Amino acid sequence: MKKWLPLFAACLGTLMLLIDVTIVNVALPDIAADLHAGLSSLQWVVDGYALALAALLLVLGSLADRVGAKRAYLVGLVLFALASLGCGVADTSSNLIAARILQGIGGAAMFATTLSLLHSTYTGRDRGIAFGVWGAVSGAAAGVGVVLGGVLTEALSWRWIFFVNLPIAVLAIALTASVFPASVRRADRAVDVPGMLAFATAATALTYGVIRGGEHGWSDGRAVSTLVLGAVAIAVFAVVESRSAAPMFPLALLRNRDFGATLLGASGQTFAAFASTPLVSLWLQQQLRMTPLHAGLALLPMAATAFLVAGVFGRLMHDAAPKWTIGAGLVVVGIGTGLLTVIDTGSSWAALVPGFVVIGAGIGINAPALVSVGMAAVPPQQGGTAAGAVNTARQLGLALGVAVLGTVFRGAAHADQPMTLPHFVSGLNAAFTVAATVGIVFGVIAFALLHRQRPAMKSDNLEQEAIAA
């Protein structure tokens, strides 16, 4: 059993960082009441974490090559633990958001290095087992997060959704320090700091601009200026990456139709499937008066169906053309989100179940193929960049999705007036409609772009499939 301790250490960190993407959703009403936080602040509690992951995943992967994967993973664990403590003791929404951003930075360092550590630790059949277990843990994180968040929030308080990370992080740090060998450093590996700064500025400015515009109106000077800043930062990022000798993201990859379609599929999936979850949690608890635990259980059918479909049909879908797994799978996600618009003022939580089951089925079809198809579409030496880019697209889709759907919700719910159940339902259905449209449109585009046949997979099939999970 000793040989599996490194796998246990890697899975602990991965489970912790991925759980924290969803664990906060069911705690949002309690956070709002305790910290007197409005909808825009709650959006940033979710988005601060997702944005940090999206903005830093690629560049921290490069930095980890320079300092060694083990050292980067340890630093990420320590930062994640300290930030979790900061989240738990936060006395204002601003302090909580700042701590969530620090959590995301630590999570990005961990996410960028776990597979490298497992790759260097295991060989042969053991490597395949390790990647398979890691993939299963990653896939289960979303479901564990909503249930654990409900249990901790109801039994203790919302602060314990962050405090629970501390003993887990201490154990992961101790194991990582003792069971992983020292990692090889590549001092010649350049870190694209200008590209990182431009990308982070673009993502943050666009997200802030959308949230600000939804709250204060689209003529608001700060909203307009930050949206313009985001657009300029995108242009700067394109110029920097096209001229860099070691770009964070080689723009030439976008000329590959399969890879571009995979990025669309990754961002569209999280936008369509998960970006409305904070609003659903608020509806369940603020309007239907459900407890955090019951709200978490109500959100579980999506994750459970995704896990079941991916597990039962994953081998069959492995040989399917990517336009069916990525493109059509995303369309199924969009259709499922569209089914959620049946909610009216007399609906109970059960109205969510049909839509959640269909969304989960689409995720189970779509998610396992995303990274493996993206990696297969590029040269072998760029496989790691491709995997990082797909995971970045996932987090960016979530961050922008939360911002956009929050803005749509405000407009349709007349958030400047006292919030009644009819207003809330109108806003919720408007958000579902937009999310469903994004899923279907992105899915159709991906379907059209992807080649008919599945790209030839490289020799590291097991690793690709593990990352995809």
Protein backbone atom coordinates (compact mmCIF):
# COMPACT_ATOMS: atom_id res chain seq x y z
CA MET A 1 0.00 0.00 0.00
CA LYS A 2 2.92 2.37 0.54
CA LYS A 3 3.39 2.80 -3.18
CA TRP A 4 -0.07 4.40 -3.45
CA LEU A 5 0.61 7.13 -0.90
CA PRO A 6 1.71 9.59 -3.62
CA LEU A 7 -1.57 8.94 -5.44
CA PHE A 8 -3.46 9.56 -2.20
CA ALA A 9 -1.63 12.86 -1.70
CA ALA A 10 -2.37 14.00 -5.26
CA CYS A 11 -6.03 12.99 -4.99
CA LEU A 12 -6.43 14.82 -1.68
CA GLY A 13 -5.29 18.10 -3.21
CA THR A 14 -7.30 17.63 -6.40
CA LEU A 15 -10.49 16.72 -4.54
CA MET A 16 -10.07 19.73 -2.25
CA LEU A 17 -9.52 22.27 -5.03
CA LEU A 18 -12.33 20.94 -7.25
CA ILE A 19 -14.81 20.62 -4.39
CA ASP A 20 -14.26 24.31 -3.69
CA VAL A 21 -15.63 25.15 -7.14
CA THR A 22 -19.10 23.90 -6.09
CA ILE A 23 -19.12 23.69 -2.29
CA VAL A 24 -19.75 27.41 -1.94
CA ASN A 25 -22.96 27.38 -4.00
CA VAL A 26 -25.29 26.03 -1.31
CA ALA A 27 -23.74 28.36 1.29
CA LEU A 28 -24.41 31.57 -0.67
CA PRO A 29 -27.69 32.48 1.10
CA ASP A 30 -26.05 32.11 4.53
CA ILE A 31 -23.03 34.13 3.35
CA ALA A 32 -25.36 36.84 2.05
CA ALA A 33 -27.21 37.05 5.36
CA ASP A 34 -24.10 36.94 7.56
CA LEU A 35 -21.95 39.38 5.58
CA HIS A 36 -24.81 41.50 4.18
CA ALA A 37 -23.64 40.66 0.67
CA GLY A 38 -25.59 41.57 -2.45
CA LEU A 39 -25.86 39.51 -5.63
CA SER A 40 -22.78 41.09 -7.23
CA SER A 41 -20.66 40.19 -4.20
CA LEU A 42 -21.98 36.63 -4.26
CA GLN A 43 -21.07 36.41 -7.93
CA TRP A 44 -17.52 37.40 -7.06
CA VAL A 45 -17.33 34.79 -4.30
CA VAL A 46 -17.82 32.23 -7.07
CA ASP A 47 -15.99 34.06 -9.84
CA GLY A 48 -12.91 35.11 -7.88
CA TYR A 49 -11.92 31.47 -7.52
CA ALA A 50 -12.78 30.46 -11.08
CA LEU A 51 -11.01 33.48 -12.58
CA ALA A 52 -7.79 32.84 -10.68
CA LEU A 53 -7.81 29.23 -11.89
CA ALA A 54 -8.48 30.30 -15.46
CA ALA A 55 -5.94 33.11 -15.54
CA LEU A 56 -3.03 31.28 -13.92
CA LEU A 57 -3.33 27.60 -14.81
CA LEU A 58 -1.17 27.76 -17.94
CA VAL A 59 1.50 30.11 -16.62
CA LEU A 60 1.86 28.25 -13.31
CA GLY A 61 2.32 25.06 -15.30
CA SER A 62 5.30 26.70 -16.99
CA LEU A 63 6.61 28.07 -13.71
CA ALA A 64 6.33 24.60 -12.14
CA ASP A 65 8.70 23.25 -14.80
CA ARG A 66 11.30 25.79 -13.67
CA VAL A 67 11.03 25.25 -9.92
CA GLY A 68 9.95 21.59 -9.94
CA ALA A 69 6.44 20.14 -9.82
CA LYS A 70 6.76 18.95 -6.20
CA ARG A 71 7.80 22.36 -4.91
CA ALA A 72 5.04 24.12 -6.90
CA TYR A 73 2.44 21.66 -5.61
CA LEU A 74 3.57 22.19 -2.00
CA VAL A 75 3.47 25.97 -2.38
CA GLY A 76 -0.01 25.66 -3.89
CA LEU A 77 -1.20 23.51 -0.97
CA VAL A 78 0.18 25.94 1.63
CA LEU A 79 -1.37 28.96 -0.11
CA PHE A 80 -4.69 27.13 -0.52
CA ALA A 81 -4.74 26.27 3.19
CA LEU A 82 -3.92 29.82 4.30
CA ALA A 83 -6.51 31.25 1.90
CA SER A 84 -9.12 28.77 3.19
CA LEU A 85 -8.44 30.03 6.70
CA GLY A 86 -8.84 33.57 5.42
CA CYS A 87 -12.18 32.66 3.83
CA GLY A 88 -13.40 31.09 7.05
CA VAL A 89 -12.61 34.10 9.23
CA ALA A 90 -13.65 36.76 6.69
CA ASP A 91 -15.82 39.45 8.28
CA THR A 92 -16.75 41.28 5.08
CA SER A 93 -17.63 40.17 1.57
CA SER A 94 -14.57 41.99 0.23
CA ASN A 95 -12.25 40.01 2.49
CA LEU A 96 -13.98 36.77 1.49
CA ILE A 97 -13.59 37.57 -2.21
CA ALA A 98 -9.90 38.40 -1.75
CA ALA A 99 -9.33 35.13 0.07
CA ARG A 100 -11.21 33.23 -2.64
CA ILE A 101 -8.87 34.71 -5.26
CA LEU A 102 -5.88 33.52 -3.23
CA GLN A 103 -7.52 30.10 -3.03
CA GLY A 104 -7.75 30.08 -6.80
CA ILE A 105 -4.05 30.92 -7.16
CA GLY A 106 -3.12 28.04 -4.87
CA GLY A 107 -5.57 25.76 -6.67
CA ALA A 108 -4.06 26.65 -10.04
CA ALA A 109 -0.58 25.68 -8.82
CA MET A 110 -1.96 22.36 -7.57
CA PHE A 111 -4.08 21.64 -10.66
CA ALA A 112 -1.15 22.37 -12.98
CA THR A 113 1.19 19.91 -11.26
CA THR A 114 -0.72 16.86 -10.00
CA LEU A 115 -0.56 14.92 -13.27
CA SER A 116 3.12 15.71 -13.73
CA LEU A 117 3.81 14.34 -10.25
CA LEU A 118 1.86 11.16 -10.92
CA HIS A 119 3.56 10.73 -14.30
CA SER A 120 7.02 10.94 -12.75
CA THR A 121 6.13 8.66 -9.83
CA TYR A 122 4.42 5.73 -11.54
CA THR A 123 5.20 3.64 -14.60
CA GLY A 124 3.47 1.00 -16.68
CA ARG A 125 0.24 -0.48 -15.35
CA ASP A 126 0.57 1.41 -12.06
CA ARG A 127 0.55 4.69 -13.97
CA GLY A 128 -2.67 3.70 -15.72
CA ILE A 129 -4.29 2.82 -12.38
CA ALA A 130 -3.10 6.09 -10.84
CA PHE A 131 -4.50 8.22 -13.64
CA GLY A 132 -7.76 6.29 -13.59
CA VAL A 133 -8.24 6.83 -9.85
CA TRP A 134 -7.30 10.50 -10.17
CA GLY A 135 -9.85 10.90 -12.96
CA ALA A 136 -12.58 9.23 -10.91
CA VAL A 137 -11.85 11.51 -7.95
CA SER A 138 -11.99 14.56 -10.22
CA GLY A 139 -15.31 13.46 -11.66
CA ALA A 140 -16.86 12.91 -8.23
CA ALA A 141 -15.80 16.30 -6.85
CA ALA A 142 -18.81 18.29 -8.07
CA GLY A 143 -21.31 15.96 -6.43
CA VAL A 144 -19.33 15.73 -3.21
CA GLY A 145 -19.05 19.51 -3.09
CA VAL A 146 -22.77 20.35 -3.11
CA VAL A 147 -23.64 17.69 -0.52
CA LEU A 148 -20.69 18.44 1.77
CA GLY A 149 -21.44 22.15 1.52
CA GLY A 150 -25.02 21.54 2.59
CA VAL A 151 -24.03 19.33 5.51
CA LEU A 152 -21.40 21.71 6.87
CA THR A 153 -23.47 24.86 6.38
CA GLU A 154 -26.51 23.37 8.10
CA ALA A 155 -24.77 21.49 10.90
CA LEU A 156 -22.11 24.12 11.71
CA SER A 157 -21.94 27.27 9.57
CA TRP A 158 -20.89 28.39 6.10
CA ARG A 159 -17.41 29.12 7.47
CA TRP A 160 -16.78 25.40 7.89
CA ILE A 161 -16.92 24.80 4.14
CA PHE A 162 -13.52 26.50 4.20
CA PHE A 163 -12.23 25.36 7.60
CA VAL A 164 -12.67 21.73 6.53
CA ASN A 165 -9.83 22.26 4.05
CA LEU A 166 -7.29 22.83 6.81
CA PRO A 167 -6.80 19.28 8.16
CA ILE A 168 -6.98 17.89 4.61
CA ALA A 169 -4.32 20.34 3.44
CA VAL A 170 -2.05 19.56 6.41
CA LEU A 171 -2.24 15.85 5.64
CA ALA A 172 -1.64 16.46 1.92
CA ILE A 173 1.37 18.69 2.66
CA ALA A 174 2.92 16.13 5.01
CA LEU A 175 2.43 13.29 2.53
CA THR A 176 3.65 15.29 -0.46
CA ALA A 177 6.82 16.35 1.34
CA SER A 178 7.65 12.77 2.33
CA VAL A 179 6.45 10.46 -0.46
CA PHE A 180 7.17 12.30 -3.70
CA PRO A 181 10.75 12.33 -5.01
CA ALA A 182 12.34 15.66 -5.86
CA SER A 183 11.14 16.89 -9.24
CA VAL A 184 13.41 17.68 -12.17
CA ARG A 185 13.73 21.41 -12.78
CA ARG A 186 13.94 23.00 -16.21
CA ALA A 187 15.66 26.30 -15.57
CA ASP A 188 15.62 27.06 -19.31
CA ARG A 189 11.79 27.01 -19.42
CA ALA A 190 10.57 30.56 -19.97
CA VAL A 191 7.55 31.97 -18.16
CA ASP A 192 5.34 34.21 -20.28
CA VAL A 193 4.71 36.95 -17.72
CA PRO A 194 3.43 39.57 -20.24
CA GLY A 195 1.00 37.02 -21.68
CA MET A 196 -0.19 36.05 -18.21
CA LEU A 197 -0.76 39.68 -17.20
CA ALA A 198 -2.63 40.48 -20.41
CA PHE A 199 -4.84 37.38 -20.14
CA ALA A 200 -5.59 37.93 -16.46
CA THR A 201 -6.43 41.59 -17.12
CA ALA A 202 -8.76 40.67 -19.99
CA ALA A 203 -10.62 37.97 -18.05
CA THR A 204 -10.99 40.06 -14.91
CA ALA A 205 -11.97 43.28 -16.66
CA LEU A 206 -14.60 41.61 -18.85
CA THR A 207 -16.11 39.76 -15.90
CA TYR A 208 -16.12 42.85 -13.69
CA GLY A 209 -17.57 44.96 -16.51
CA VAL A 210 -20.47 42.57 -17.06
CA ILE A 211 -21.26 42.36 -13.34
CA ARG A 212 -20.94 46.12 -12.89
CA GLY A 213 -23.08 46.85 -15.95
CA GLY A 214 -25.82 44.52 -14.77
CA GLU A 215 -25.88 46.17 -11.35
CA HIS A 216 -25.48 49.85 -12.28
CA GLY A 217 -26.60 50.01 -15.91
CA TRP A 218 -24.68 49.79 -19.16
CA SER A 219 -24.09 53.53 -19.30
CA ASP A 220 -22.17 53.39 -16.02
CA GLY A 221 -18.74 54.87 -16.61
CA ARG A 222 -16.84 52.22 -14.65
CA ALA A 223 -18.64 49.39 -16.44
CA VAL A 224 -17.89 50.87 -19.87
CA SER A 225 -14.25 51.62 -19.07
CA THR A 226 -13.54 48.13 -17.72
CA LEU A 227 -15.19 46.47 -20.71
CA VAL A 228 -13.04 48.61 -23.01
CA LEU A 229 -9.99 47.68 -20.92
CA GLY A 230 -10.91 44.01 -21.34
CA ALA A 231 -11.16 44.37 -25.11
CA VAL A 232 -7.80 46.17 -25.27
CA ALA A 233 -6.21 43.51 -23.06
CA ILE A 234 -7.42 40.79 -25.44
CA ALA A 235 -5.76 42.60 -28.33
CA VAL A 236 -2.56 43.02 -26.32
CA PHE A 237 -2.62 39.33 -25.40
CA ALA A 238 -2.90 38.38 -29.09
CA VAL A 239 0.04 40.62 -30.01
CA VAL A 240 2.19 39.41 -27.10
CA GLU A 241 1.54 35.74 -27.83
CA SER A 242 2.20 36.13 -31.55
CA ARG A 243 5.62 37.69 -30.85
CA SER A 244 6.72 35.70 -27.81
CA ALA A 245 9.47 33.11 -28.21
CA ALA A 246 7.78 30.98 -25.53
CA PRO A 247 4.10 31.95 -25.51
CA MET A 248 1.77 30.86 -22.73
CA PHE A 249 -0.73 29.96 -25.44
CA PRO A 250 0.53 29.58 -29.04
CA LEU A 251 -2.14 31.26 -31.17
CA ALA A 252 -1.32 28.92 -34.06
CA LEU A 253 -3.24 26.22 -32.16
CA LEU A 254 -6.47 28.07 -32.93
CA ARG A 255 -5.99 27.34 -36.62
CA ASN A 256 -6.67 23.71 -35.79
CA ARG A 257 -10.44 23.26 -36.16
CA ASP A 258 -10.63 20.33 -33.77
CA PHE A 259 -8.75 22.16 -31.06
CA GLY A 260 -10.77 25.36 -31.47
CA ALA A 261 -13.99 23.36 -31.31
CA THR A 262 -12.78 21.66 -28.14
CA LEU A 263 -12.19 25.03 -26.45
CA LEU A 264 -15.71 26.07 -27.47
CA GLY A 265 -17.05 22.83 -26.04
CA ALA A 266 -15.19 23.30 -22.75
CA SER A 267 -16.26 26.90 -22.16
CA GLY A 268 -19.82 26.26 -23.39
CA GLN A 269 -20.24 23.28 -21.10
CA THR A 270 -19.48 25.10 -17.86
CA PHE A 271 -21.47 28.17 -18.97
CA ALA A 272 -24.56 26.17 -19.92
CA ALA A 273 -24.45 23.56 -17.15
CA PHE A 274 -23.03 25.24 -14.05
CA ALA A 275 -23.17 29.04 -14.28
CA SER A 276 -26.82 29.17 -13.18
CA THR A 277 -26.21 26.99 -10.10
CA PRO A 278 -25.68 29.92 -7.67
CA LEU A 279 -29.05 31.35 -8.75
CA VAL A 280 -30.73 27.97 -8.34
CA SER A 281 -29.28 27.68 -4.84
CA LEU A 282 -30.68 31.10 -3.94
CA TRP A 283 -34.10 30.08 -5.29
CA LEU A 284 -34.13 26.84 -3.32
CA GLN A 285 -33.14 28.46 -0.02
CA GLN A 286 -34.44 32.02 -0.16
CA GLN A 287 -37.69 31.39 -2.02
CA LEU A 288 -38.55 27.75 -1.22
CA ARG A 289 -37.06 27.94 2.30
CA MET A 290 -35.09 24.72 1.92
CA THR A 291 -32.22 23.96 4.25
CA PRO A 292 -28.64 24.03 2.86
CA LEU A 293 -28.48 20.22 3.05
CA HIS A 294 -31.72 19.72 1.16
CA ALA A 295 -30.63 22.31 -1.42
CA GLY A 296 -27.37 20.41 -1.89
CA LEU A 297 -29.25 17.14 -2.38
CA ALA A 298 -31.57 18.85 -4.88
CA LEU A 299 -28.50 19.83 -6.94
CA LEU A 300 -27.05 16.31 -6.83
CA PRO A 301 -28.95 14.62 -9.74
CA MET A 302 -26.85 16.47 -12.33
CA ALA A 303 -23.50 15.32 -10.96
CA ALA A 304 -24.77 11.81 -10.22
CA THR A 305 -26.11 11.35 -13.76
CA ALA A 306 -22.89 12.70 -15.29
CA PHE A 307 -20.81 10.29 -13.22
CA LEU A 308 -23.06 7.35 -14.11
CA VAL A 309 -23.18 8.09 -17.85
CA ALA A 310 -19.43 8.65 -18.09
CA GLY A 311 -18.71 5.49 -16.11
CA VAL A 312 -21.17 3.17 -17.87
CA PHE A 313 -20.84 4.43 -21.43
CA GLY A 314 -17.34 5.92 -21.34
CA ARG A 315 -15.67 3.01 -23.12
CA LEU A 316 -18.31 3.01 -25.86
CA MET A 317 -17.93 6.76 -26.37
CA HIS A 318 -14.14 6.49 -26.54
CA ASP A 319 -14.32 5.41 -30.19
CA ALA A 320 -17.11 7.80 -31.19
CA ALA A 321 -16.37 10.71 -33.50
CA PRO A 322 -15.68 13.84 -31.42
CA LYS A 323 -18.45 15.79 -33.09
CA TRP A 324 -20.88 13.44 -31.33
CA THR A 325 -19.22 13.43 -27.92
CA ILE A 326 -18.27 17.12 -27.78
CA GLY A 327 -20.69 18.83 -30.18
CA ALA A 328 -23.82 16.76 -29.72
CA GLY A 329 -23.08 16.25 -26.02
CA LEU A 330 -23.06 20.01 -25.52
CA VAL A 331 -26.36 20.32 -27.39
CA VAL A 332 -27.82 17.81 -24.93
CA VAL A 333 -26.56 20.00 -22.06
CA GLY A 334 -28.27 23.00 -23.66
CA ILE A 335 -31.54 21.10 -24.08
CA GLY A 336 -31.41 20.03 -20.44
CA THR A 337 -30.88 23.61 -19.31
CA GLY A 338 -33.82 24.63 -21.49
CA LEU A 339 -35.99 22.11 -19.63
CA LEU A 340 -35.35 24.05 -16.42
CA THR A 341 -37.49 26.91 -17.76
CA VAL A 342 -40.61 24.94 -16.73
CA ILE A 343 -40.16 26.41 -13.25
CA ASP A 344 -43.02 28.70 -12.21
CA THR A 345 -44.24 30.25 -8.99
CA GLY A 346 -45.85 26.98 -7.88
CA SER A 347 -42.88 24.72 -8.61
CA SER A 348 -40.99 22.70 -6.03
CA TRP A 349 -37.40 21.48 -6.21
CA ALA A 350 -38.62 18.41 -8.12
CA ALA A 351 -39.12 20.58 -11.20
CA LEU A 352 -35.33 20.67 -11.52
CA VAL A 353 -34.87 16.91 -11.78
CA PRO A 354 -35.73 16.27 -15.47
CA GLY A 355 -33.51 19.11 -16.65
CA PHE A 356 -30.69 18.14 -14.31
CA VAL A 357 -30.78 14.52 -15.49
CA VAL A 358 -30.55 15.59 -19.15
CA ILE A 359 -27.76 18.07 -18.36
CA GLY A 360 -25.91 15.34 -16.47
CA ALA A 361 -26.25 12.97 -19.41
CA GLY A 362 -24.80 15.62 -21.72
CA ILE A 363 -21.88 16.24 -19.36
CA GLY A 364 -21.25 12.50 -19.12
CA ILE A 365 -21.04 12.37 -22.91
CA ASN A 366 -19.10 15.60 -23.33
CA ALA A 367 -16.63 15.92 -20.45
CA PRO A 368 -14.55 12.73 -20.83
CA ALA A 369 -13.66 13.63 -24.42
CA LEU A 370 -12.74 17.28 -24.04
CA VAL A 371 -9.08 17.14 -23.03
CA SER A 372 -8.24 13.89 -24.82
CA VAL A 373 -9.58 15.20 -28.14
CA GLY A 374 -7.89 18.56 -27.62
CA MET A 375 -4.55 16.89 -26.89
CA ALA A 376 -4.90 14.53 -29.84
CA ALA A 377 -5.47 17.46 -32.17
CA VAL A 378 -2.07 19.08 -31.52
CA PRO A 379 1.56 17.97 -31.85
CA PRO A 380 2.79 15.74 -28.98
CA GLN A 381 5.11 18.41 -27.57
CA GLN A 382 2.13 20.75 -27.11
CA GLY A 383 -0.11 18.21 -25.37
CA GLY A 384 0.40 19.73 -21.93
CA THR A 385 -0.43 23.20 -23.23
CA ALA A 386 -3.56 21.83 -24.89
CA ALA A 387 -4.74 20.16 -21.67
CA GLY A 388 -4.11 23.35 -19.69
CA ALA A 389 -5.93 25.44 -22.30
CA VAL A 390 -9.02 23.23 -22.17
CA ASN A 391 -9.15 23.36 -18.37
CA THR A 392 -8.63 27.13 -18.58
CA ALA A 393 -11.55 27.39 -21.00
CA ARG A 394 -13.72 25.48 -18.57
CA GLN A 395 -13.02 27.88 -15.71
CA LEU A 396 -13.31 30.94 -17.94
CA GLY A 397 -16.69 29.73 -19.22
CA LEU A 398 -17.87 29.36 -15.63
CA ALA A 399 -16.59 32.78 -14.55
CA LEU A 400 -18.08 34.66 -17.51
CA GLY A 401 -21.23 32.57 -17.31
CA VAL A 402 -21.86 33.49 -13.68
CA ALA A 403 -21.33 37.16 -14.56
CA VAL A 404 -23.58 37.12 -17.63
CA LEU A 405 -26.39 35.10 -16.07
CA GLY A 406 -26.35 37.28 -12.97
CA THR A 407 -26.79 40.32 -15.21
CA VAL A 408 -29.62 38.66 -17.14
CA PHE A 409 -31.27 37.67 -13.87
CA ARG A 410 -31.14 41.22 -12.52
CA GLY A 411 -32.73 42.65 -15.65
CA ALA A 412 -35.55 40.11 -15.86
CA ALA A 413 -36.23 40.04 -12.10
CA HIS A 414 -36.31 43.85 -11.79
CA ALA A 415 -33.70 43.60 -9.06
CA ASP A 416 -34.02 47.31 -8.30
CA GLN A 417 -37.44 46.54 -6.79
CA PRO A 418 -38.36 44.37 -3.77
CA MET A 419 -37.68 40.76 -4.77
CA THR A 420 -40.88 38.70 -4.94
CA LEU A 421 -41.26 35.08 -5.99
CA PRO A 422 -42.69 35.98 -9.45
CA HIS A 423 -39.78 38.37 -10.04
CA PHE A 424 -37.26 35.75 -8.94
CA VAL A 425 -38.77 33.08 -11.18
CA SER A 426 -38.79 35.45 -14.17
CA GLY A 427 -35.12 36.19 -13.64
CA LEU A 428 -34.27 32.54 -13.16
CA ASN A 429 -36.03 31.47 -16.36
CA ALA A 430 -34.36 34.26 -18.33
CA ALA A 431 -30.97 33.02 -17.08
CA PHE A 432 -31.85 29.43 -17.99
CA THR A 433 -32.87 30.55 -21.49
CA VAL A 434 -29.57 32.30 -22.11
CA ALA A 435 -27.56 29.38 -20.72
CA ALA A 436 -29.51 26.91 -22.87
CA THR A 437 -28.95 29.05 -25.96
CA VAL A 438 -25.20 29.17 -25.32
CA GLY A 439 -25.07 25.38 -24.91
CA ILE A 440 -27.00 24.65 -28.09
CA VAL A 441 -25.27 27.28 -30.24
CA PHE A 442 -21.77 26.37 -29.06
CA GLY A 443 -22.61 22.70 -29.51
CA VAL A 444 -23.81 23.19 -33.08
CA ILE A 445 -20.69 25.20 -33.95
CA ALA A 446 -18.43 22.55 -32.40
CA PHE A 447 -20.34 19.83 -34.24
CA ALA A 448 -19.76 21.63 -37.55
CA LEU A 449 -16.06 22.29 -36.88
CA LEU A 450 -15.03 18.87 -35.64
CA HIS A 451 -13.86 16.28 -38.14
CA ARG A 452 -15.97 13.24 -38.78
CA GLN A 453 -13.45 10.79 -37.38
CA ARG A 454 -11.86 10.81 -33.97
CA PRO A 455 -8.27 12.12 -34.22
CA ALA A 456 -5.60 9.47 -33.81
CA MET A 457 -4.70 9.22 -30.17
CA LYS A 458 -1.11 9.38 -29.04
CA SER A 459 0.75 6.83 -26.99
CA ASP A 460 -0.22 8.42 -23.68
CA ASN A 461 -3.89 7.45 -23.97
CA LEU A 462 -4.28 6.66 -20.29
CA GLU A 463 -2.97 10.04 -19.24
CA GLN A 464 -5.24 11.88 -21.67
CA GLU A 465 -8.30 10.00 -20.53
CA ALA A 466 -7.44 10.68 -16.90
CA ILE A 467 -7.08 14.41 -17.51
CA ALA A 468 -10.33 14.40 -19.48
CA ALA A 469 -12.21 12.96 -16.52
